[in-house]
Amino acid sequence: MKSWSLKSSRFKDKYLILDLNQLGHVNFRKIDKAEVERTLASGQLPSNSEMLPFGYIRKIESNINSSKIELHYKKDSSLIYEFENSVLKKEFITCLIDLNPNLKPSIVKLTLLDSIKVQLIALILLIGYLSWCYASAYAIENGTHPGQDLVVVLLVASLGTNVIKYIILAAFILLGSKMYLTASSRTDKQLIDFHR
């Protein structure tokens, strides 16, 4: 059995525990740290540890340069563990693979579209909505509006075409810069699949 100290919160500490065929963690108050460390050093699991058998775990994901891992288990549950640094995370992954040689880590390369998908969808929807508002505002200003738009469209359209132009420009700048930052900081993911 091996354990790693994880980044702690204000009142709780946490250890990640790797046993022969299970993986889990133990939460404890800072004042109980010595007792938990003695129990782990003796090769026993602390009474309040929460363990998952390898059969329940689907996969472990991690960004290459990150100190976090995301453990996916059962159908759609997940846990995020953050190590003190990325060296400890690499040590954990090495021990996990040494313990279970059937596990084969793989590197998943994130494509540009995968990394900016959320921002791109938000930009398309927002620009579509604001274009509808602009068309309604233009029709209202020219006196040709039929008056059958949604209230949320009419509220924004009442601001006028000039204000809506600035809102569209601000949306392009904000979401465009977010897409650029996300795309430039994308890293590959390491994936350990438990059920190949």
N, C-alpha and C. Protein backbone atom coordinates (compact mmCIF):
# COMPACT_ATOMS: atom_id res chain seq x y z
N MET A 1 0.84 -1.17 0.00
CA MET A 1 0.00 0.00 0.00
C MET A 1 0.89 1.24 0.00
N LYS A 2 0.48 2.22 -0.80
CA LYS A 2 1.24 3.46 -0.90
C LYS A 2 0.26 4.62 -0.79
N SER A 3 0.71 5.74 -0.24
CA SER A 3 -0.17 6.90 -0.10
C SER A 3 0.57 8.18 -0.47
N TRP A 4 -0.21 9.17 -0.91
CA TRP A 4 0.33 10.47 -1.30
C TRP A 4 -0.49 11.55 -0.63
N SER A 5 0.19 12.55 -0.14
CA SER A 5 -0.49 13.70 0.45
C SER A 5 -1.00 14.58 -0.69
N LEU A 6 -2.26 14.97 -0.59
CA LEU A 6 -2.87 15.83 -1.60
C LEU A 6 -2.92 17.26 -1.07
N LYS A 7 -3.17 18.21 -1.97
CA LYS A 7 -3.33 19.59 -1.55
C LYS A 7 -4.47 19.67 -0.56
N SER A 8 -4.24 20.37 0.51
CA SER A 8 -5.24 20.38 1.57
C SER A 8 -6.11 21.63 1.48
N SER A 9 -7.30 21.50 2.03
CA SER A 9 -8.17 22.65 2.16
C SER A 9 -7.88 23.31 3.49
N ARG A 10 -8.69 24.25 3.86
CA ARG A 10 -8.42 25.01 5.07
C ARG A 10 -8.49 24.16 6.34
N PHE A 11 -9.48 23.29 6.42
CA PHE A 11 -9.69 22.52 7.64
C PHE A 11 -9.40 21.03 7.50
N LYS A 12 -9.28 20.53 6.28
CA LYS A 12 -9.13 19.09 6.06
C LYS A 12 -7.85 18.81 5.28
N ASP A 13 -7.26 17.68 5.61
CA ASP A 13 -6.16 17.14 4.82
C ASP A 13 -6.69 15.89 4.12
N LYS A 14 -5.98 15.45 3.09
CA LYS A 14 -6.43 14.29 2.35
C LYS A 14 -5.21 13.52 1.86
N TYR A 15 -5.30 12.20 1.95
CA TYR A 15 -4.29 11.32 1.37
C TYR A 15 -4.95 10.48 0.29
N LEU A 16 -4.24 10.29 -0.81
CA LEU A 16 -4.66 9.36 -1.84
C LEU A 16 -3.99 8.03 -1.54
N ILE A 17 -4.77 6.96 -1.55
CA ILE A 17 -4.25 5.64 -1.15
C ILE A 17 -4.38 4.69 -2.33
N LEU A 18 -3.28 3.99 -2.62
CA LEU A 18 -3.25 2.96 -3.66
C LEU A 18 -2.93 1.64 -3.00
N ASP A 19 -3.89 0.72 -3.04
CA ASP A 19 -3.71 -0.60 -2.45
C ASP A 19 -3.62 -1.61 -3.59
N LEU A 20 -3.56 -2.89 -3.30
CA LEU A 20 -3.37 -3.92 -4.32
C LEU A 20 -4.37 -3.83 -5.47
N ASN A 21 -5.64 -3.76 -5.18
CA ASN A 21 -6.64 -3.73 -6.25
C ASN A 21 -7.70 -2.67 -6.00
N GLN A 22 -7.33 -1.63 -5.26
CA GLN A 22 -8.27 -0.56 -5.00
C GLN A 22 -7.55 0.77 -4.84
N LEU A 23 -8.31 1.82 -5.03
CA LEU A 23 -7.78 3.17 -5.01
C LEU A 23 -8.78 4.04 -4.27
N GLY A 24 -8.32 4.94 -3.44
CA GLY A 24 -9.25 5.79 -2.72
C GLY A 24 -8.54 6.87 -1.95
N HIS A 25 -9.25 7.46 -1.01
CA HIS A 25 -8.69 8.56 -0.24
C HIS A 25 -9.21 8.51 1.19
N VAL A 26 -8.54 9.26 2.03
CA VAL A 26 -8.98 9.44 3.41
C VAL A 26 -8.93 10.93 3.72
N ASN A 27 -10.04 11.45 4.23
CA ASN A 27 -10.12 12.84 4.69
C ASN A 27 -9.95 12.85 6.19
N PHE A 28 -9.27 13.83 6.72
CA PHE A 28 -9.11 13.92 8.16
C PHE A 28 -8.82 15.36 8.55
N ARG A 29 -9.11 15.67 9.79
CA ARG A 29 -8.78 16.99 10.31
C ARG A 29 -7.28 17.05 10.55
N LYS A 30 -6.73 18.23 10.50
CA LYS A 30 -5.29 18.40 10.67
C LYS A 30 -4.80 17.85 12.01
N ILE A 31 -5.63 17.90 13.05
CA ILE A 31 -5.19 17.42 14.36
C ILE A 31 -5.08 15.90 14.40
N ASP A 32 -5.74 15.20 13.47
CA ASP A 32 -5.68 13.73 13.42
C ASP A 32 -4.61 13.21 12.48
N LYS A 33 -3.77 14.09 11.95
CA LYS A 33 -2.80 13.70 10.93
C LYS A 33 -1.82 12.63 11.42
N ALA A 34 -1.31 12.77 12.61
CA ALA A 34 -0.32 11.81 13.14
C ALA A 34 -0.93 10.41 13.24
N GLU A 35 -2.17 10.34 13.69
CA GLU A 35 -2.83 9.03 13.82
C GLU A 35 -3.05 8.38 12.46
N VAL A 36 -3.48 9.17 11.48
CA VAL A 36 -3.70 8.63 10.13
C VAL A 36 -2.38 8.18 9.53
N GLU A 37 -1.31 8.96 9.72
CA GLU A 37 0.00 8.58 9.18
C GLU A 37 0.53 7.30 9.83
N ARG A 38 0.29 7.12 11.13
CA ARG A 38 0.71 5.87 11.80
C ARG A 38 -0.05 4.67 11.23
N THR A 39 -1.35 4.84 11.02
CA THR A 39 -2.16 3.76 10.46
C THR A 39 -1.68 3.39 9.07
N LEU A 40 -1.42 4.39 8.22
CA LEU A 40 -0.94 4.13 6.86
C LEU A 40 0.45 3.48 6.88
N ALA A 41 1.32 3.95 7.79
CA ALA A 41 2.68 3.40 7.88
C ALA A 41 2.66 1.93 8.32
N SER A 42 1.64 1.55 9.10
CA SER A 42 1.55 0.15 9.55
C SER A 42 0.95 -0.75 8.47
N GLY A 43 0.58 -0.17 7.33
CA GLY A 43 0.05 -0.97 6.22
C GLY A 43 -1.44 -1.23 6.31
N GLN A 44 -2.13 -0.52 7.16
CA GLN A 44 -3.57 -0.68 7.30
C GLN A 44 -4.29 0.53 6.74
N LEU A 45 -5.54 0.30 6.37
CA LEU A 45 -6.37 1.40 5.89
C LEU A 45 -7.03 2.10 7.08
N PRO A 46 -7.02 3.43 7.11
CA PRO A 46 -7.74 4.14 8.17
C PRO A 46 -9.24 3.82 8.10
N SER A 47 -9.90 3.89 9.24
CA SER A 47 -11.32 3.49 9.30
C SER A 47 -12.22 4.35 8.44
N ASN A 48 -11.87 5.61 8.23
CA ASN A 48 -12.73 6.49 7.44
C ASN A 48 -12.28 6.64 5.98
N SER A 49 -11.49 5.70 5.50
CA SER A 49 -11.04 5.79 4.10
C SER A 49 -12.16 5.35 3.16
N GLU A 50 -12.19 5.99 2.00
CA GLU A 50 -13.18 5.67 0.97
C GLU A 50 -12.44 5.08 -0.21
N MET A 51 -12.65 3.79 -0.45
CA MET A 51 -11.89 3.07 -1.47
C MET A 51 -12.80 2.61 -2.60
N LEU A 52 -12.24 2.59 -3.81
CA LEU A 52 -12.92 2.08 -5.00
C LEU A 52 -12.12 0.91 -5.55
N PRO A 53 -12.75 -0.25 -5.74
CA PRO A 53 -12.04 -1.36 -6.40
C PRO A 53 -11.73 -0.98 -7.85
N PHE A 54 -10.65 -1.54 -8.39
CA PHE A 54 -10.28 -1.23 -9.78
C PHE A 54 -11.41 -1.55 -10.75
N GLY A 55 -12.24 -2.53 -10.41
CA GLY A 55 -13.36 -2.90 -11.29
C GLY A 55 -14.39 -1.79 -11.45
N TYR A 56 -14.49 -0.89 -10.49
CA TYR A 56 -15.44 0.23 -10.56
C TYR A 56 -14.88 1.41 -11.36
N ILE A 57 -13.56 1.48 -11.46
CA ILE A 57 -12.92 2.63 -12.10
C ILE A 57 -12.93 2.45 -13.61
N ARG A 58 -13.39 3.48 -14.33
CA ARG A 58 -13.41 3.42 -15.79
C ARG A 58 -12.11 3.95 -16.38
N LYS A 59 -11.70 5.14 -15.93
CA LYS A 59 -10.48 5.73 -16.48
C LYS A 59 -9.96 6.83 -15.56
N ILE A 60 -8.71 7.18 -15.76
CA ILE A 60 -8.09 8.30 -15.07
C ILE A 60 -7.56 9.24 -16.14
N GLU A 61 -7.94 10.51 -16.07
CA GLU A 61 -7.49 11.52 -17.02
C GLU A 61 -6.64 12.56 -16.31
N SER A 62 -5.68 13.11 -17.04
CA SER A 62 -4.85 14.17 -16.47
C SER A 62 -4.20 14.96 -17.60
N ASN A 63 -4.15 16.28 -17.46
CA ASN A 63 -3.35 17.07 -18.38
C ASN A 63 -1.88 16.79 -18.08
N ILE A 64 -1.07 16.75 -19.10
CA ILE A 64 0.34 16.36 -18.94
C ILE A 64 1.06 17.24 -17.92
N ASN A 65 0.89 18.55 -17.99
CA ASN A 65 1.64 19.46 -17.12
C ASN A 65 0.92 19.80 -15.82
N SER A 66 -0.22 19.22 -15.59
CA SER A 66 -1.03 19.55 -14.42
C SER A 66 -0.68 18.65 -13.24
N SER A 67 -1.05 19.09 -12.06
CA SER A 67 -0.86 18.26 -10.87
C SER A 67 -2.17 17.60 -10.45
N LYS A 68 -3.20 17.71 -11.29
CA LYS A 68 -4.51 17.13 -10.98
C LYS A 68 -4.75 15.87 -11.80
N ILE A 69 -5.52 14.95 -11.21
CA ILE A 69 -6.03 13.81 -11.96
C ILE A 69 -7.54 13.78 -11.76
N GLU A 70 -8.24 13.28 -12.76
CA GLU A 70 -9.68 13.10 -12.65
C GLU A 70 -9.96 11.61 -12.78
N LEU A 71 -10.54 11.06 -11.74
CA LEU A 71 -10.85 9.64 -11.67
C LEU A 71 -12.32 9.44 -12.02
N HIS A 72 -12.59 8.74 -13.11
CA HIS A 72 -13.97 8.47 -13.54
C HIS A 72 -14.33 7.06 -13.09
N TYR A 73 -15.47 6.92 -12.41
CA TYR A 73 -15.86 5.60 -11.92
C TYR A 73 -17.35 5.42 -12.09
N LYS A 74 -17.76 4.15 -12.00
CA LYS A 74 -19.14 3.73 -12.22
C LYS A 74 -19.62 4.29 -13.55
N LYS A 75 -20.89 4.73 -13.62
CA LYS A 75 -21.42 5.15 -14.91
C LYS A 75 -21.00 6.57 -15.28
N ASP A 76 -21.23 7.53 -14.39
CA ASP A 76 -20.91 8.91 -14.74
C ASP A 76 -20.44 9.73 -13.53
N SER A 77 -19.77 9.08 -12.61
CA SER A 77 -19.25 9.78 -11.43
C SER A 77 -17.76 10.06 -11.62
N SER A 78 -17.27 11.10 -10.96
CA SER A 78 -15.85 11.40 -11.05
C SER A 78 -15.37 12.10 -9.79
N LEU A 79 -14.10 11.97 -9.52
CA LEU A 79 -13.43 12.64 -8.41
C LEU A 79 -12.20 13.33 -8.95
N ILE A 80 -11.88 14.50 -8.41
CA ILE A 80 -10.67 15.21 -8.82
C ILE A 80 -9.73 15.25 -7.63
N TYR A 81 -8.51 14.79 -7.85
CA TYR A 81 -7.47 14.81 -6.83
C TYR A 81 -6.37 15.75 -7.31
N GLU A 82 -5.91 16.64 -6.43
CA GLU A 82 -4.82 17.54 -6.78
C GLU A 82 -3.62 17.27 -5.88
N PHE A 83 -2.52 16.87 -6.51
CA PHE A 83 -1.28 16.59 -5.80
C PHE A 83 -0.58 17.90 -5.47
N GLU A 84 0.39 17.82 -4.58
CA GLU A 84 1.17 19.01 -4.22
C GLU A 84 1.94 19.54 -5.43
N ASN A 85 2.40 18.64 -6.31
CA ASN A 85 3.11 19.06 -7.53
C ASN A 85 2.97 17.96 -8.58
N SER A 86 3.41 18.24 -9.79
CA SER A 86 3.26 17.27 -10.88
C SER A 86 4.21 16.08 -10.75
N VAL A 87 5.30 16.23 -9.99
CA VAL A 87 6.23 15.11 -9.77
C VAL A 87 5.53 14.01 -8.97
N LEU A 88 4.77 14.39 -7.95
CA LEU A 88 4.03 13.40 -7.16
C LEU A 88 2.95 12.73 -8.01
N LYS A 89 2.34 13.50 -8.90
CA LYS A 89 1.33 12.90 -9.79
C LYS A 89 1.98 11.85 -10.70
N LYS A 90 3.14 12.16 -11.24
CA LYS A 90 3.84 11.20 -12.09
C LYS A 90 4.25 9.96 -11.30
N GLU A 91 4.66 10.16 -10.06
CA GLU A 91 5.02 9.03 -9.21
C GLU A 91 3.81 8.13 -8.96
N PHE A 92 2.65 8.74 -8.72
CA PHE A 92 1.42 7.98 -8.53
C PHE A 92 1.08 7.16 -9.77
N ILE A 93 1.15 7.78 -10.93
CA ILE A 93 0.80 7.07 -12.18
C ILE A 93 1.78 5.93 -12.43
N THR A 94 3.06 6.15 -12.15
CA THR A 94 4.05 5.09 -12.31
C THR A 94 3.76 3.92 -11.37
N CYS A 95 3.44 4.22 -10.11
CA CYS A 95 3.11 3.15 -9.15
C CYS A 95 1.85 2.41 -9.56
N LEU A 96 0.87 3.14 -10.06
CA LEU A 96 -0.38 2.52 -10.49
C LEU A 96 -0.14 1.54 -11.64
N ILE A 97 0.68 1.94 -12.60
CA ILE A 97 0.98 1.07 -13.75
C ILE A 97 1.86 -0.10 -13.33
N ASP A 98 2.81 0.14 -12.41
CA ASP A 98 3.64 -0.97 -11.90
C ASP A 98 2.81 -2.00 -11.16
N LEU A 99 1.80 -1.53 -10.43
CA LEU A 99 0.94 -2.41 -9.65
C LEU A 99 0.02 -3.24 -10.54
N ASN A 100 -0.41 -2.66 -11.65
CA ASN A 100 -1.33 -3.33 -12.57
C ASN A 100 -0.77 -3.22 -13.99
N PRO A 101 0.05 -4.19 -14.42
CA PRO A 101 0.72 -4.09 -15.72
C PRO A 101 -0.24 -4.12 -16.92
N ASN A 102 -1.51 -4.49 -16.70
CA ASN A 102 -2.48 -4.49 -17.81
C ASN A 102 -2.88 -3.08 -18.21
N LEU A 103 -2.64 -2.11 -17.35
CA LEU A 103 -2.99 -0.72 -17.65
C LEU A 103 -1.95 -0.13 -18.60
N LYS A 104 -2.43 0.46 -19.65
CA LYS A 104 -1.53 1.09 -20.62
C LYS A 104 -1.92 2.56 -20.76
N PRO A 105 -1.05 3.45 -20.31
CA PRO A 105 -1.37 4.87 -20.47
C PRO A 105 -1.27 5.28 -21.93
N SER A 106 -2.10 6.20 -22.31
CA SER A 106 -2.04 6.73 -23.67
C SER A 106 -2.10 8.25 -23.61
N ILE A 107 -1.58 8.87 -24.63
CA ILE A 107 -1.60 10.33 -24.74
C ILE A 107 -2.66 10.70 -25.76
N VAL A 108 -3.58 11.57 -25.35
CA VAL A 108 -4.65 12.04 -26.22
C VAL A 108 -4.33 13.47 -26.61
N LYS A 109 -4.17 13.70 -27.90
CA LYS A 109 -3.87 15.04 -28.39
C LYS A 109 -5.18 15.80 -28.59
N LEU A 110 -5.31 16.94 -27.96
CA LEU A 110 -6.50 17.76 -28.10
C LEU A 110 -6.41 18.55 -29.41
N THR A 111 -7.44 18.45 -30.23
CA THR A 111 -7.47 19.22 -31.46
C THR A 111 -7.88 20.66 -31.14
N LEU A 112 -7.66 21.53 -32.08
CA LEU A 112 -8.02 22.94 -31.90
C LEU A 112 -9.52 23.08 -31.68
N LEU A 113 -10.31 22.35 -32.46
CA LEU A 113 -11.77 22.44 -32.34
C LEU A 113 -12.24 21.92 -30.98
N ASP A 114 -11.63 20.84 -30.49
CA ASP A 114 -12.01 20.31 -29.18
C ASP A 114 -11.75 21.31 -28.06
N SER A 115 -10.66 22.06 -28.18
CA SER A 115 -10.30 22.97 -27.10
C SER A 115 -11.15 24.24 -27.08
N ILE A 116 -11.69 24.67 -28.22
CA ILE A 116 -12.48 25.91 -28.25
C ILE A 116 -13.95 25.66 -28.54
N LYS A 117 -14.39 24.43 -28.47
CA LYS A 117 -15.77 24.08 -28.84
C LYS A 117 -16.81 24.86 -28.03
N VAL A 118 -16.64 24.95 -26.74
CA VAL A 118 -17.62 25.62 -25.88
C VAL A 118 -17.71 27.10 -26.21
N GLN A 119 -16.57 27.76 -26.35
CA GLN A 119 -16.58 29.19 -26.66
C GLN A 119 -17.15 29.45 -28.06
N LEU A 120 -16.86 28.56 -28.99
CA LEU A 120 -17.36 28.72 -30.34
C LEU A 120 -18.89 28.61 -30.39
N ILE A 121 -19.44 27.64 -29.67
CA ILE A 121 -20.90 27.49 -29.62
C ILE A 121 -21.53 28.72 -28.95
N ALA A 122 -20.91 29.20 -27.87
CA ALA A 122 -21.43 30.39 -27.20
C ALA A 122 -21.39 31.60 -28.12
N LEU A 123 -20.31 31.74 -28.87
CA LEU A 123 -20.19 32.87 -29.80
C LEU A 123 -21.25 32.79 -30.89
N ILE A 124 -21.47 31.64 -31.46
CA ILE A 124 -22.47 31.48 -32.53
C ILE A 124 -23.86 31.79 -32.00
N LEU A 125 -24.21 31.24 -30.83
CA LEU A 125 -25.54 31.50 -30.27
C LEU A 125 -25.73 32.97 -29.89
N LEU A 126 -24.72 33.57 -29.29
CA LEU A 126 -24.83 34.96 -28.87
C LEU A 126 -24.92 35.90 -30.07
N ILE A 127 -24.11 35.65 -31.08
CA ILE A 127 -24.15 36.49 -32.28
C ILE A 127 -25.49 36.31 -33.00
N GLY A 128 -26.02 35.09 -33.04
CA GLY A 128 -27.35 34.87 -33.65
C GLY A 128 -28.42 35.65 -32.92
N TYR A 129 -28.40 35.59 -31.59
CA TYR A 129 -29.39 36.32 -30.79
C TYR A 129 -29.24 37.83 -30.98
N LEU A 130 -28.01 38.32 -30.91
CA LEU A 130 -27.78 39.76 -31.05
C LEU A 130 -28.10 40.25 -32.46
N SER A 131 -27.89 39.39 -33.46
CA SER A 131 -28.26 39.77 -34.84
C SER A 131 -29.77 39.91 -34.97
N TRP A 132 -30.50 39.00 -34.33
CA TRP A 132 -31.96 39.09 -34.32
C TRP A 132 -32.40 40.38 -33.63
N CYS A 133 -31.75 40.71 -32.50
CA CYS A 133 -32.06 41.96 -31.80
C CYS A 133 -31.73 43.17 -32.67
N TYR A 134 -30.61 43.12 -33.39
CA TYR A 134 -30.23 44.22 -34.26
C TYR A 134 -31.25 44.41 -35.40
N ALA A 135 -31.68 43.28 -35.99
CA ALA A 135 -32.68 43.37 -37.07
C ALA A 135 -33.99 43.97 -36.55
N SER A 136 -34.39 43.58 -35.35
CA SER A 136 -35.62 44.15 -34.77
C SER A 136 -35.43 45.63 -34.46
N ALA A 137 -34.26 46.00 -33.92
CA ALA A 137 -34.00 47.42 -33.62
C ALA A 137 -34.00 48.25 -34.90
N TYR A 138 -33.43 47.71 -35.96
CA TYR A 138 -33.39 48.41 -37.25
C TYR A 138 -34.81 48.61 -37.78
N ALA A 139 -35.63 47.57 -37.66
CA ALA A 139 -37.02 47.67 -38.13
C ALA A 139 -37.81 48.67 -37.28
N ILE A 140 -37.56 48.69 -35.97
CA ILE A 140 -38.26 49.65 -35.10
C ILE A 140 -37.87 51.08 -35.45
N GLU A 141 -36.56 51.30 -35.68
CA GLU A 141 -36.09 52.64 -36.01
C GLU A 141 -36.64 53.13 -37.34
N ASN A 142 -36.90 52.22 -38.27
CA ASN A 142 -37.43 52.60 -39.60
C ASN A 142 -38.94 52.54 -39.65
N GLY A 143 -39.58 52.11 -38.56
CA GLY A 143 -41.04 52.07 -38.51
C GLY A 143 -41.67 50.92 -39.26
N THR A 144 -40.91 49.88 -39.54
CA THR A 144 -41.46 48.74 -40.28
C THR A 144 -41.57 47.48 -39.44
N HIS A 145 -41.44 47.59 -38.13
CA HIS A 145 -41.45 46.41 -37.26
C HIS A 145 -42.87 45.87 -37.12
N PRO A 146 -43.06 44.55 -37.36
CA PRO A 146 -44.40 43.98 -37.27
C PRO A 146 -44.88 43.80 -35.82
N GLY A 147 -43.97 43.85 -34.84
CA GLY A 147 -44.35 43.74 -33.43
C GLY A 147 -44.58 42.34 -32.93
N GLN A 148 -43.97 41.35 -33.56
CA GLN A 148 -44.19 39.97 -33.13
C GLN A 148 -42.89 39.28 -32.73
N ASP A 149 -42.07 39.97 -31.97
CA ASP A 149 -40.83 39.38 -31.47
C ASP A 149 -40.99 38.98 -30.01
N LEU A 150 -40.07 38.18 -29.55
CA LEU A 150 -40.05 37.81 -28.14
C LEU A 150 -39.70 39.02 -27.28
N VAL A 151 -40.13 39.00 -26.04
CA VAL A 151 -39.89 40.12 -25.14
C VAL A 151 -38.40 40.35 -24.93
N VAL A 152 -37.61 39.25 -24.80
CA VAL A 152 -36.17 39.41 -24.57
C VAL A 152 -35.48 40.05 -25.77
N VAL A 153 -36.02 39.82 -26.96
CA VAL A 153 -35.47 40.45 -28.15
C VAL A 153 -35.84 41.93 -28.17
N LEU A 154 -37.09 42.24 -27.84
CA LEU A 154 -37.54 43.63 -27.85
C LEU A 154 -36.84 44.46 -26.78
N LEU A 155 -36.53 43.84 -25.63
CA LEU A 155 -35.82 44.57 -24.58
C LEU A 155 -34.45 45.02 -25.06
N VAL A 156 -33.71 44.13 -25.70
CA VAL A 156 -32.39 44.49 -26.21
C VAL A 156 -32.53 45.41 -27.42
N ALA A 157 -33.53 45.16 -28.26
CA ALA A 157 -33.73 45.99 -29.45
C ALA A 157 -34.07 47.43 -29.07
N SER A 158 -34.67 47.62 -27.91
CA SER A 158 -35.01 48.98 -27.49
C SER A 158 -33.78 49.82 -27.18
N LEU A 159 -32.61 49.18 -27.06
CA LEU A 159 -31.37 49.93 -26.84
C LEU A 159 -30.93 50.68 -28.09
N GLY A 160 -31.37 50.23 -29.25
CA GLY A 160 -31.00 50.89 -30.51
C GLY A 160 -29.87 50.17 -31.22
N THR A 161 -29.76 50.46 -32.51
CA THR A 161 -28.78 49.75 -33.34
C THR A 161 -27.34 50.08 -32.97
N ASN A 162 -27.07 51.33 -32.59
CA ASN A 162 -25.69 51.70 -32.25
C ASN A 162 -25.20 50.95 -31.02
N VAL A 163 -26.03 50.86 -29.98
CA VAL A 163 -25.62 50.15 -28.76
C VAL A 163 -25.45 48.66 -29.06
N ILE A 164 -26.34 48.09 -29.86
CA ILE A 164 -26.24 46.66 -30.18
C ILE A 164 -24.98 46.38 -30.98
N LYS A 165 -24.56 47.30 -31.84
CA LYS A 165 -23.29 47.12 -32.57
C LYS A 165 -22.13 47.00 -31.59
N TYR A 166 -22.12 47.85 -30.55
CA TYR A 166 -21.05 47.79 -29.57
C TYR A 166 -21.11 46.50 -28.74
N ILE A 167 -22.32 46.04 -28.45
CA ILE A 167 -22.47 44.79 -27.71
C ILE A 167 -21.94 43.61 -28.54
N ILE A 168 -22.25 43.60 -29.83
CA ILE A 168 -21.76 42.54 -30.72
C ILE A 168 -20.22 42.60 -30.80
N LEU A 169 -19.67 43.79 -30.92
CA LEU A 169 -18.23 43.95 -30.97
C LEU A 169 -17.57 43.46 -29.67
N ALA A 170 -18.17 43.82 -28.53
CA ALA A 170 -17.63 43.38 -27.24
C ALA A 170 -17.70 41.86 -27.11
N ALA A 171 -18.80 41.25 -27.60
CA ALA A 171 -18.93 39.79 -27.55
C ALA A 171 -17.85 39.13 -28.40
N PHE A 172 -17.60 39.67 -29.61
CA PHE A 172 -16.53 39.14 -30.46
C PHE A 172 -15.18 39.25 -29.77
N ILE A 173 -14.90 40.39 -29.17
CA ILE A 173 -13.59 40.59 -28.54
C ILE A 173 -13.42 39.67 -27.34
N LEU A 174 -14.42 39.61 -26.45
CA LEU A 174 -14.31 38.78 -25.25
C LEU A 174 -14.21 37.29 -25.58
N LEU A 175 -15.14 36.80 -26.37
CA LEU A 175 -15.12 35.37 -26.68
C LEU A 175 -13.97 35.01 -27.61
N GLY A 176 -13.61 35.91 -28.50
CA GLY A 176 -12.46 35.67 -29.38
C GLY A 176 -11.16 35.58 -28.60
N SER A 177 -10.98 36.47 -27.63
CA SER A 177 -9.76 36.42 -26.82
C SER A 177 -9.75 35.17 -25.93
N LYS A 178 -10.91 34.78 -25.42
CA LYS A 178 -10.99 33.55 -24.62
C LYS A 178 -10.65 32.33 -25.48
N MET A 179 -11.15 32.31 -26.73
CA MET A 179 -10.82 31.20 -27.63
C MET A 179 -9.33 31.16 -27.92
N TYR A 180 -8.73 32.33 -28.14
CA TYR A 180 -7.30 32.39 -28.41
C TYR A 180 -6.49 31.87 -27.22
N LEU A 181 -6.84 32.33 -26.01
CA LEU A 181 -6.12 31.89 -24.82
C LEU A 181 -6.28 30.39 -24.59
N THR A 182 -7.48 29.88 -24.80
CA THR A 182 -7.72 28.45 -24.62
C THR A 182 -6.94 27.64 -25.65
N ALA A 183 -6.95 28.10 -26.89
CA ALA A 183 -6.25 27.37 -27.95
C ALA A 183 -4.74 27.41 -27.75
N SER A 184 -4.22 28.53 -27.27
CA SER A 184 -2.76 28.62 -27.12
C SER A 184 -2.26 27.88 -25.88
N SER A 185 -3.14 27.63 -24.91
CA SER A 185 -2.69 26.95 -23.70
C SER A 185 -3.13 25.48 -23.64
N ARG A 186 -3.61 24.94 -24.74
CA ARG A 186 -4.05 23.54 -24.70
C ARG A 186 -2.85 22.61 -24.56
N THR A 187 -3.06 21.56 -23.78
CA THR A 187 -2.01 20.57 -23.58
C THR A 187 -2.59 19.19 -23.86
N ASP A 188 -1.71 18.24 -24.06
CA ASP A 188 -2.16 16.87 -24.29
C ASP A 188 -2.65 16.27 -22.98
N LYS A 189 -3.53 15.28 -23.10
CA LYS A 189 -4.06 14.60 -21.92
C LYS A 189 -3.48 13.20 -21.84
N GLN A 190 -3.20 12.79 -20.63
CA GLN A 190 -2.78 11.42 -20.39
C GLN A 190 -4.02 10.65 -19.93
N LEU A 191 -4.25 9.51 -20.52
CA LEU A 191 -5.44 8.72 -20.24
C LEU A 191 -5.02 7.30 -19.86
N ILE A 192 -5.55 6.83 -18.74
CA ILE A 192 -5.35 5.43 -18.32
C ILE A 192 -6.72 4.80 -18.31
N ASP A 193 -6.94 3.87 -19.23
CA ASP A 193 -8.25 3.22 -19.38
C ASP A 193 -8.21 1.88 -18.63
N PHE A 194 -9.15 1.68 -17.73
CA PHE A 194 -9.18 0.46 -16.92
C PHE A 194 -9.92 -0.69 -17.59
N HIS A 195 -10.71 -0.41 -18.62
CA HIS A 195 -11.53 -1.46 -19.25
C HIS A 195 -11.31 -1.47 -20.75
N ARG A 196 -10.13 -1.82 -21.16
CA ARG A 196 -9.85 -1.91 -22.59
C ARG A 196 -10.29 -3.22 -23.14
